[in-house]
Amino acid sequence: MRTDSEPLLKVQRLCAWYGAAQVLYDVALDVRRGEVVALMGRNGAGKSTTLKSIIGMLDKRRGEVAFMGHDISNAEPHQAARLGMGFVPEDRRIFTDLTVMENLEVGRQPARRWPDGSSAPLWTPERLFELFPNLGEMPQRPGGRMSGGEQQMLTVARTLMGNPYLVLLDEPSEGVAPLIVEQMAHTILELKAQGVSILLCEQNMHFAELVSDRAYVLEKGQVRFEGSMAELAADEAVRRNYLSV
C-alpha cells in the first residue's frame, strides 16, 4: 500500500511501440499528491504516447508503472480508472448524442478516500457547474451541439465525475480560444488546490508555467530534462533545443 512519502504515480523504464516502430525509450517520471507536472516537447516527441502507455491504452509497452501502491504495468484502462486514474484525451471523445448531464453520469464513480483515511475530492454535477459555468448553462444540450472549447470542458468534467486522485491531461490548450485556455488554467489550479494531481502534456510554455510545479521534456521518446518549472523557464538552451519550433 502507498504511503504519503511515496509518489502517487511512479513510472520507470517505460518503452512503447506502434507496430514495429519504437516510440518511447526508458521514460521515467513521477507525480506526487497535489502536484501538477508538465510533460513537454514538440509534436511527435512522445507525450501523448506516454499518457496512453501509463493508463494501458497501448498493447505494445514495457516497463514499470505504479499507481497508488498498485502495479498497473500490465493493467487495462478500466482497471486504472477504477483505482482513481482519470484520462482526458486530446481528441475529447465525448458522446455527441448524449446531453451534458448524461455525459457526466457516464463518468460517475463512488467517492474515494486517501490511504490515511481522509476524503479525496468528491465531484458532483453541481460542483462541476461552479467550476465550469458554461456547462451549467446548458445541462440538456447534446454534446454534438457544443463548441470545441465547451466539449473540452465537458471532457474534463466527465473525467472528474470519476473522483480521480490523478488526471492525465493531454494538450488542454491545443486548438481552443484564448478565453478557454485561460479558463482551463484556472481549472487546473483549482483542481490542484483540491488535492488532485495532474500530469499535463503541453507544448505551450506560457500555459505550462502558469500551472505546473515541475516539468519533464521529451525528445524522440526520451527524457532530456527534468526539474522545476522555474528551472526550465530559466534554461534557454533546453527550451531552444527541445521546445522551440
C-alpha atoms as a PDB file:
ATOM      1  CA  MET A   1       0.000   0.000   0.000  1.00  0.00           C
ATOM      2  CA  ARG A   2       1.149   3.502  -0.811  1.00  0.00           C
ATOM      3  CA  THR A   3       2.433   5.890   1.875  1.00  0.00           C
ATOM      4  CA  ASP A   4       2.327   9.665   1.575  1.00  0.00           C
ATOM      5  CA  SER A   5       6.124   9.795   1.231  1.00  0.00           C
ATOM      6  CA  GLU A   6       5.856   7.803  -1.999  1.00  0.00           C
ATOM      7  CA  PRO A   7       4.856   9.249  -5.366  1.00  0.00           C
ATOM      8  CA  LEU A   8       1.226   8.831  -6.382  1.00  0.00           C
ATOM      9  CA  LEU A   9       2.467   7.730  -9.804  1.00  0.00           C
ATOM     10  CA  LYS A  10       5.906   6.277 -10.492  1.00  0.00           C
ATOM     11  CA  VAL A  11       6.991   5.297 -14.000  1.00  0.00           C
ATOM     12  CA  GLN A  12      10.305   3.546 -14.693  1.00  0.00           C
ATOM     13  CA  ARG A  13      11.951   2.251 -17.892  1.00  0.00           C
ATOM     14  CA  LEU A  14       8.783   2.775 -19.940  1.00  0.00           C
ATOM     15  CA  CYS A  15       9.103   1.734 -23.578  1.00  0.00           C
ATOM     16  CA  ALA A  16       6.321   1.657 -26.170  1.00  0.00           C
ATOM     17  CA  TRP A  17       5.818   0.725 -29.794  1.00  0.00           C
ATOM     18  CA  TYR A  18       3.350   1.341 -32.595  1.00  0.00           C
ATOM     19  CA  GLY A  19       3.730  -1.824 -34.606  1.00  0.00           C
ATOM     20  CA  ALA A  20       7.462  -2.312 -35.202  1.00  0.00           C
ATOM     21  CA  ALA A  21       8.305   1.353 -34.548  1.00  0.00           C
ATOM     22  CA  GLN A  22       9.590   2.117 -31.057  1.00  0.00           C
ATOM     23  CA  VAL A  23       8.309   5.475 -29.777  1.00  0.00           C
ATOM     24  CA  LEU A  24       9.349   5.602 -26.089  1.00  0.00           C
ATOM     25  CA  TYR A  25      12.782   4.716 -24.723  1.00  0.00           C
ATOM     26  CA  ASP A  26      13.120   4.114 -20.963  1.00  0.00           C
ATOM     27  CA  VAL A  27      10.921   7.022 -19.866  1.00  0.00           C
ATOM     28  CA  ALA A  28      10.975   7.637 -16.108  1.00  0.00           C
ATOM     29  CA  LEU A  29       8.828  10.146 -14.214  1.00  0.00           C
ATOM     30  CA  ASP A  30       6.797  10.557 -11.048  1.00  0.00           C
ATOM     31  CA  VAL A  31       3.903  12.664  -9.773  1.00  0.00           C
ATOM     32  CA  ARG A  32       3.135  13.370  -6.115  1.00  0.00           C
ATOM     33  CA  ARG A  33      -0.095  14.187  -4.320  1.00  0.00           C
ATOM     34  CA  GLY A  34      -1.469  17.635  -5.193  1.00  0.00           C
ATOM     35  CA  GLU A  35       1.249  18.272  -7.788  1.00  0.00           C
ATOM     36  CA  VAL A  36       0.950  19.478 -11.390  1.00  0.00           C
ATOM     37  CA  VAL A  37       3.696  18.037 -13.573  1.00  0.00           C
ATOM     38  CA  ALA A  38       4.139  19.144 -17.192  1.00  0.00           C
ATOM     39  CA  LEU A  39       5.306  16.675 -19.836  1.00  0.00           C
ATOM     40  CA  MET A  40       6.631  18.907 -22.587  1.00  0.00           C
ATOM     41  CA  GLY A  41       8.072  18.505 -26.060  1.00  0.00           C
ATOM     42  CA  ARG A  42       7.456  19.187 -29.724  1.00  0.00           C
ATOM     43  CA  ASN A  43       4.859  17.381 -31.823  1.00  0.00           C
ATOM     44  CA  GLY A  44       5.873  13.758 -32.181  1.00  0.00           C
ATOM     45  CA  ALA A  45       8.129  13.759 -29.111  1.00  0.00           C
ATOM     46  CA  GLY A  46       6.094  11.012 -27.441  1.00  0.00           C
ATOM     47  CA  LYS A  47       3.993  12.981 -24.949  1.00  0.00           C
ATOM     48  CA  SER A  48       0.571  11.518 -25.791  1.00  0.00           C
ATOM     49  CA  THR A  49       2.085   8.058 -26.197  1.00  0.00           C
ATOM     50  CA  THR A  50       3.453   8.327 -22.651  1.00  0.00           C
ATOM     51  CA  LEU A  51      -0.006   9.063 -21.243  1.00  0.00           C
ATOM     52  CA  LYS A  52      -1.607   6.256 -23.250  1.00  0.00           C
ATOM     53  CA  SER A  53       1.083   3.828 -22.125  1.00  0.00           C
ATOM     54  CA  ILE A  54       0.635   4.766 -18.466  1.00  0.00           C
ATOM     55  CA  ILE A  55      -3.115   4.147 -18.485  1.00  0.00           C
ATOM     56  CA  GLY A  56      -2.844   0.995 -20.600  1.00  0.00           C
ATOM     57  CA  MET A  57      -4.161   2.073 -23.992  1.00  0.00           C
ATOM     58  CA  LEU A  58      -1.162   0.668 -25.891  1.00  0.00           C
ATOM     59  CA  ASP A  59      -0.832  -3.083 -26.297  1.00  0.00           C
ATOM     60  CA  LYS A  60       2.875  -2.999 -27.011  1.00  0.00           C
ATOM     61  CA  ARG A  61       4.609  -1.481 -23.991  1.00  0.00           C
ATOM     62  CA  ARG A  62       7.202  -2.481 -21.444  1.00  0.00           C
ATOM     63  CA  GLY A  63       8.340  -1.016 -18.121  1.00  0.00           C
ATOM     64  CA  GLU A  64       7.060  -0.430 -14.594  1.00  0.00           C
ATOM     65  CA  VAL A  65       4.058   1.754 -13.752  1.00  0.00           C
ATOM     66  CA  ALA A  66       2.981   2.020 -10.097  1.00  0.00           C
ATOM     67  CA  PHE A  67      -0.118   3.995  -9.064  1.00  0.00           C
ATOM     68  CA  MET A  68      -1.439   4.353  -5.517  1.00  0.00           C
ATOM     69  CA  GLY A  69       0.788   1.476  -4.441  1.00  0.00           C
ATOM     70  CA  HIS A  70      -0.557  -0.847  -7.173  1.00  0.00           C
ATOM     71  CA  ASP A  71       1.456  -2.270 -10.053  1.00  0.00           C
ATOM     72  CA  ILE A  72      -0.513  -1.306 -13.177  1.00  0.00           C
ATOM     73  CA  SER A  73       2.267  -2.083 -15.662  1.00  0.00           C
ATOM     74  CA  ASN A  74       0.015  -4.575 -17.452  1.00  0.00           C
ATOM     75  CA  ALA A  75      -3.390  -3.198 -16.433  1.00  0.00           C
ATOM     76  CA  GLU A  76      -6.235  -2.340 -18.786  1.00  0.00           C
ATOM     77  CA  PRO A  77      -7.531   1.266 -18.884  1.00  0.00           C
ATOM     78  CA  HIS A  78     -10.718   0.400 -16.958  1.00  0.00           C
ATOM     79  CA  GLN A  79      -8.617  -1.121 -14.161  1.00  0.00           C
ATOM     80  CA  ALA A  80      -6.511   2.039 -13.856  1.00  0.00           C
ATOM     81  CA  ALA A  81      -9.702   4.139 -13.870  1.00  0.00           C
ATOM     82  CA  ARG A  82     -11.204   2.100 -11.037  1.00  0.00           C
ATOM     83  CA  LEU A  83      -8.083   2.768  -8.966  1.00  0.00           C
ATOM     84  CA  GLY A  84      -8.631   6.510  -9.422  1.00  0.00           C
ATOM     85  CA  MET A  85      -6.710   7.497 -12.552  1.00  0.00           C
ATOM     86  CA  GLY A  86      -8.526   9.804 -14.961  1.00  0.00           C
ATOM     87  CA  PHE A  87      -7.630  10.473 -18.599  1.00  0.00           C
ATOM     88  CA  VAL A  88      -8.612  13.496 -20.696  1.00  0.00           C
ATOM     89  CA  PRO A  89      -7.625  12.711 -24.305  1.00  0.00           C
ATOM     90  CA  GLU A  90      -6.656  15.404 -26.780  1.00  0.00           C
ATOM     91  CA  ASP A  91      -9.481  14.383 -29.133  1.00  0.00           C
ATOM     92  CA  ARG A  92     -12.114  14.764 -26.353  1.00  0.00           C
ATOM     93  CA  ARG A  93     -14.216  11.686 -27.178  1.00  0.00           C
ATOM     94  CA  ILE A  94     -17.444  12.927 -25.653  1.00  0.00           C
ATOM     95  CA  PHE A  95     -20.742  11.212 -26.509  1.00  0.00           C
ATOM     96  CA  THR A  96     -22.172  13.626 -29.070  1.00  0.00           C
ATOM     97  CA  ASP A  97     -25.712  12.198 -28.885  1.00  0.00           C
ATOM     98  CA  LEU A  98     -25.855  12.483 -25.084  1.00  0.00           C
ATOM     99  CA  THR A  99     -26.600  15.672 -23.176  1.00  0.00           C
ATOM    100  CA  VAL A 100     -24.132  17.362 -20.844  1.00  0.00           C
ATOM    101  CA  MET A 101     -25.806  15.724 -17.823  1.00  0.00           C
ATOM    102  CA  GLU A 102     -25.837  12.306 -19.488  1.00  0.00           C
ATOM    103  CA  ASN A 103     -22.134  12.610 -20.382  1.00  0.00           C
ATOM    104  CA  LEU A 104     -21.381  13.420 -16.749  1.00  0.00           C
ATOM    105  CA  GLU A 105     -23.383  10.445 -15.477  1.00  0.00           C
ATOM    106  CA  VAL A 106     -21.378   8.115 -17.719  1.00  0.00           C
ATOM    107  CA  GLY A 107     -18.244   9.079 -15.781  1.00  0.00           C
ATOM    108  CA  ARG A 108     -19.663   8.750 -12.260  1.00  0.00           C
ATOM    109  CA  GLN A 109     -17.716   6.603  -9.774  1.00  0.00           C
ATOM    110  CA  PRO A 110     -18.038   6.209  -5.976  1.00  0.00           C
ATOM    111  CA  ALA A 111     -16.391   8.579  -3.502  1.00  0.00           C
ATOM    112  CA  ARG A 112     -12.779   7.788  -2.605  1.00  0.00           C
ATOM    113  CA  ARG A 113     -10.506   8.097   0.418  1.00  0.00           C
ATOM    114  CA  TRP A 114      -6.773   8.620   0.672  1.00  0.00           C
ATOM    115  CA  PRO A 115      -4.733   5.848   2.329  1.00  0.00           C
ATOM    116  CA  ASP A 116      -4.668   7.903   5.567  1.00  0.00           C
ATOM    117  CA  GLY A 117      -8.480   7.782   5.676  1.00  0.00           C
ATOM    118  CA  SER A 118      -9.121  11.401   4.693  1.00  0.00           C
ATOM    119  CA  SER A 119     -11.670  12.090   1.973  1.00  0.00           C
ATOM    120  CA  ALA A 120     -10.421  12.570  -1.564  1.00  0.00           C
ATOM    121  CA  PRO A 121     -12.106  15.311  -3.656  1.00  0.00           C
ATOM    122  CA  LEU A 122     -15.740  14.431  -4.382  1.00  0.00           C
ATOM    123  CA  TRP A 123     -17.213  15.833  -7.585  1.00  0.00           C
ATOM    124  CA  THR A 124     -20.910  16.269  -8.352  1.00  0.00           C
ATOM    125  CA  PRO A 125     -22.587  17.961 -11.333  1.00  0.00           C
ATOM    126  CA  GLU A 126     -23.366  20.914  -9.072  1.00  0.00           C
ATOM    127  CA  ARG A 127     -19.729  21.374  -8.071  1.00  0.00           C
ATOM    128  CA  LEU A 128     -18.620  20.963 -11.672  1.00  0.00           C
ATOM    129  CA  PHE A 129     -21.082  23.607 -12.856  1.00  0.00           C
ATOM    130  CA  GLU A 130     -19.436  26.005 -10.378  1.00  0.00           C
ATOM    131  CA  LEU A 131     -16.062  25.143 -11.897  1.00  0.00           C
ATOM    132  CA  PHE A 132     -17.420  25.290 -15.480  1.00  0.00           C
ATOM    133  CA  PRO A 133     -20.265  27.873 -15.521  1.00  0.00           C
ATOM    134  CA  ASN A 134     -20.670  27.438 -19.312  1.00  0.00           C
ATOM    135  CA  LEU A 135     -21.735  23.818 -18.783  1.00  0.00           C
ATOM    136  CA  GLY A 136     -24.166  24.869 -16.060  1.00  0.00           C
ATOM    137  CA  GLU A 137     -25.999  26.986 -18.619  1.00  0.00           C
ATOM    138  CA  MET A 138     -26.575  24.026 -20.981  1.00  0.00           C
ATOM    139  CA  PRO A 139     -27.181  20.834 -18.949  1.00  0.00           C
ATOM    140  CA  GLN A 140     -29.582  19.408 -21.540  1.00  0.00           C
ATOM    141  CA  ARG A 141     -27.593  20.336 -24.644  1.00  0.00           C
ATOM    142  CA  PRO A 142     -26.289  17.408 -26.710  1.00  0.00           C
ATOM    143  CA  GLY A 143     -22.506  17.188 -26.854  1.00  0.00           C
ATOM    144  CA  GLY A 144     -22.567  17.440 -30.643  1.00  0.00           C
ATOM    145  CA  ARG A 145     -24.089  20.936 -30.448  1.00  0.00           C
ATOM    146  CA  MET A 146     -21.281  22.414 -28.333  1.00  0.00           C
ATOM    147  CA  SER A 147     -18.205  24.403 -29.373  1.00  0.00           C
ATOM    148  CA  GLY A 148     -14.761  22.802 -29.252  1.00  0.00           C
ATOM    149  CA  GLY A 149     -13.918  24.655 -26.047  1.00  0.00           C
ATOM    150  CA  GLU A 150     -17.171  23.602 -24.394  1.00  0.00           C
ATOM    151  CA  GLN A 151     -16.522  19.998 -25.407  1.00  0.00           C
ATOM    152  CA  GLN A 152     -13.056  20.278 -23.856  1.00  0.00           C
ATOM    153  CA  MET A 153     -14.614  21.442 -20.582  1.00  0.00           C
ATOM    154  CA  LEU A 154     -17.155  18.626 -20.716  1.00  0.00           C
ATOM    155  CA  THR A 155     -14.404  16.049 -21.204  1.00  0.00           C
ATOM    156  CA  VAL A 156     -12.574  17.328 -18.120  1.00  0.00           C
ATOM    157  CA  ALA A 157     -15.819  17.461 -16.117  1.00  0.00           C
ATOM    158  CA  ARG A 158     -16.780  13.917 -17.133  1.00  0.00           C
ATOM    159  CA  THR A 159     -13.346  12.672 -16.042  1.00  0.00           C
ATOM    160  CA  LEU A 160     -13.726  14.417 -12.663  1.00  0.00           C
ATOM    161  CA  MET A 161     -17.036  12.608 -12.107  1.00  0.00           C
ATOM    162  CA  GLY A 162     -14.826   9.548 -11.539  1.00  0.00           C
ATOM    163  CA  ASN A 163     -13.347  11.323  -8.474  1.00  0.00           C
ATOM    164  CA  PRO A 164      -9.756  10.696  -9.653  1.00  0.00           C
ATOM    165  CA  TYR A 165      -6.667  11.057  -7.481  1.00  0.00           C
ATOM    166  CA  LEU A 166      -4.672  11.764 -10.635  1.00  0.00           C
ATOM    167  CA  VAL A 167      -5.698  13.178 -14.023  1.00  0.00           C
ATOM    168  CA  LEU A 168      -3.704  12.604 -17.210  1.00  0.00           C
ATOM    169  CA  LEU A 169      -4.483  15.712 -19.245  1.00  0.00           C
ATOM    170  CA  ASP A 170      -3.471  15.735 -22.919  1.00  0.00           C
ATOM    171  CA  GLU A 171      -2.887  19.123 -24.618  1.00  0.00           C
ATOM    172  CA  PRO A 172      -5.722  21.110 -22.947  1.00  0.00           C
ATOM    173  CA  SER A 173      -4.687  24.392 -24.613  1.00  0.00           C
ATOM    174  CA  GLU A 174      -4.469  22.954 -28.128  1.00  0.00           C
ATOM    175  CA  GLY A 175      -6.894  24.377 -30.693  1.00  0.00           C
ATOM    176  CA  VAL A 176      -9.207  26.283 -28.330  1.00  0.00           C
ATOM    177  CA  ALA A 177      -9.853  30.016 -27.975  1.00  0.00           C
ATOM    178  CA  PRO A 178      -7.623  32.092 -25.646  1.00  0.00           C
ATOM    179  CA  LEU A 179     -10.520  32.611 -23.231  1.00  0.00           C
ATOM    180  CA  ILE A 180     -10.954  28.835 -22.931  1.00  0.00           C
ATOM    181  CA  VAL A 181      -7.208  28.433 -22.363  1.00  0.00           C
ATOM    182  CA  GLU A 182      -7.464  30.950 -19.518  1.00  0.00           C
ATOM    183  CA  GLN A 183     -10.410  29.073 -18.028  1.00  0.00           C
ATOM    184  CA  MET A 184      -8.516  25.787 -18.331  1.00  0.00           C
ATOM    185  CA  ALA A 185      -5.547  27.239 -16.440  1.00  0.00           C
ATOM    186  CA  HIS A 186      -7.904  28.390 -13.678  1.00  0.00           C
ATOM    187  CA  THR A 187      -9.460  24.912 -13.593  1.00  0.00           C
ATOM    188  CA  ILE A 188      -6.098  23.170 -13.219  1.00  0.00           C
ATOM    189  CA  LEU A 189      -5.096  25.461 -10.350  1.00  0.00           C
ATOM    190  CA  GLU A 190      -8.457  24.840  -8.673  1.00  0.00           C
ATOM    191  CA  LEU A 191      -8.021  21.069  -9.008  1.00  0.00           C
ATOM    192  CA  LYS A 192      -4.543  21.349  -7.515  1.00  0.00           C
ATOM    193  CA  ALA A 193      -5.971  23.318  -4.582  1.00  0.00           C
ATOM    194  CA  GLN A 194      -8.461  20.474  -4.038  1.00  0.00           C
ATOM    195  CA  GLY A 195      -5.586  17.971  -3.834  1.00  0.00           C
ATOM    196  CA  VAL A 196      -5.926  16.448  -7.323  1.00  0.00           C
ATOM    197  CA  SER A 197      -2.646  15.581  -9.042  1.00  0.00           C
ATOM    198  CA  ILE A 198      -2.221  16.278 -12.763  1.00  0.00           C
ATOM    199  CA  LEU A 199       0.211  15.001 -15.375  1.00  0.00           C
ATOM    200  CA  LEU A 200      -0.143  17.512 -18.167  1.00  0.00           C
ATOM    201  CA  CYS A 201       1.001  17.077 -21.786  1.00  0.00           C
ATOM    202  CA  GLU A 202       1.660  20.528 -23.155  1.00  0.00           C
ATOM    203  CA  GLN A 203       3.582  22.455 -25.822  1.00  0.00           C
ATOM    204  CA  ASN A 204       2.562  25.933 -24.690  1.00  0.00           C
ATOM    205  CA  MET A 205       5.352  27.132 -22.391  1.00  0.00           C
ATOM    206  CA  HIS A 206       3.380  30.078 -21.057  1.00  0.00           C
ATOM    207  CA  PHE A 207       0.420  27.849 -20.144  1.00  0.00           C
ATOM    208  CA  ALA A 208       2.691  25.263 -18.510  1.00  0.00           C
ATOM    209  CA  GLU A 209       4.433  27.953 -16.464  1.00  0.00           C
ATOM    210  CA  LEU A 210       1.099  29.208 -15.137  1.00  0.00           C
ATOM    211  CA  VAL A 211       0.021  25.881 -13.681  1.00  0.00           C
ATOM    212  CA  SER A 212       2.954  23.471 -13.256  1.00  0.00           C
ATOM    213  CA  ASP A 213       5.280  22.722 -10.351  1.00  0.00           C
ATOM    214  CA  ARG A 214       7.766  20.540 -12.247  1.00  0.00           C
ATOM    215  CA  ALA A 215       8.453  19.553 -15.829  1.00  0.00           C
ATOM    216  CA  TYR A 216       9.881  16.748 -17.924  1.00  0.00           C
ATOM    217  CA  VAL A 217      10.930  17.441 -21.509  1.00  0.00           C
ATOM    218  CA  LEU A 218      10.729  14.671 -24.102  1.00  0.00           C
ATOM    219  CA  GLU A 219      12.571  14.490 -27.418  1.00  0.00           C
ATOM    220  CA  LYS A 220      12.269  11.451 -29.691  1.00  0.00           C
ATOM    221  CA  GLY A 221      10.757   9.398 -26.887  1.00  0.00           C
ATOM    222  CA  GLN A 222      13.471  10.094 -24.308  1.00  0.00           C
ATOM    223  CA  VAL A 223      13.503  12.369 -21.253  1.00  0.00           C
ATOM    224  CA  ARG A 224      16.015  15.142 -21.962  1.00  0.00           C
ATOM    225  CA  PHE A 225      15.263  17.377 -18.954  1.00  0.00           C
ATOM    226  CA  GLU A 226      13.629  17.083 -15.561  1.00  0.00           C
ATOM    227  CA  GLY A 227      13.397  19.801 -12.940  1.00  0.00           C
ATOM    228  CA  SER A 228      11.235  22.547 -11.522  1.00  0.00           C
ATOM    229  CA  MET A 229       9.176  24.689 -13.856  1.00  0.00           C
ATOM    230  CA  ALA A 230      11.286  27.684 -12.811  1.00  0.00           C
ATOM    231  CA  GLU A 231      14.464  25.806 -13.781  1.00  0.00           C
ATOM    232  CA  LEU A 232      13.039  25.007 -17.209  1.00  0.00           C
ATOM    233  CA  ALA A 233      11.922  28.597 -17.747  1.00  0.00           C
ATOM    234  CA  ALA A 234      15.463  29.766 -16.921  1.00  0.00           C
ATOM    235  CA  ASP A 235      17.227  27.201 -19.153  1.00  0.00           C
ATOM    236  CA  GLU A 236      17.295  28.808 -22.571  1.00  0.00           C
ATOM    237  CA  ALA A 237      19.405  26.020 -24.101  1.00  0.00           C
ATOM    238  CA  VAL A 238      16.889  23.307 -23.197  1.00  0.00           C
ATOM    239  CA  ARG A 239      13.980  25.384 -24.462  1.00  0.00           C
ATOM    240  CA  ARG A 240      15.768  26.194 -27.718  1.00  0.00           C
ATOM    241  CA  ASN A 241      16.920  22.610 -28.341  1.00  0.00           C
ATOM    242  CA  TYR A 242      13.758  20.708 -27.379  1.00  0.00           C
ATOM    243  CA  LEU A 243      10.770  23.091 -27.315  1.00  0.00           C
ATOM    244  CA  SER A 244      11.204  25.776 -29.968  1.00  0.00           C
ATOM    245  CA  VAL A 245       9.634  25.155 -33.365  1.00  0.00           C
END
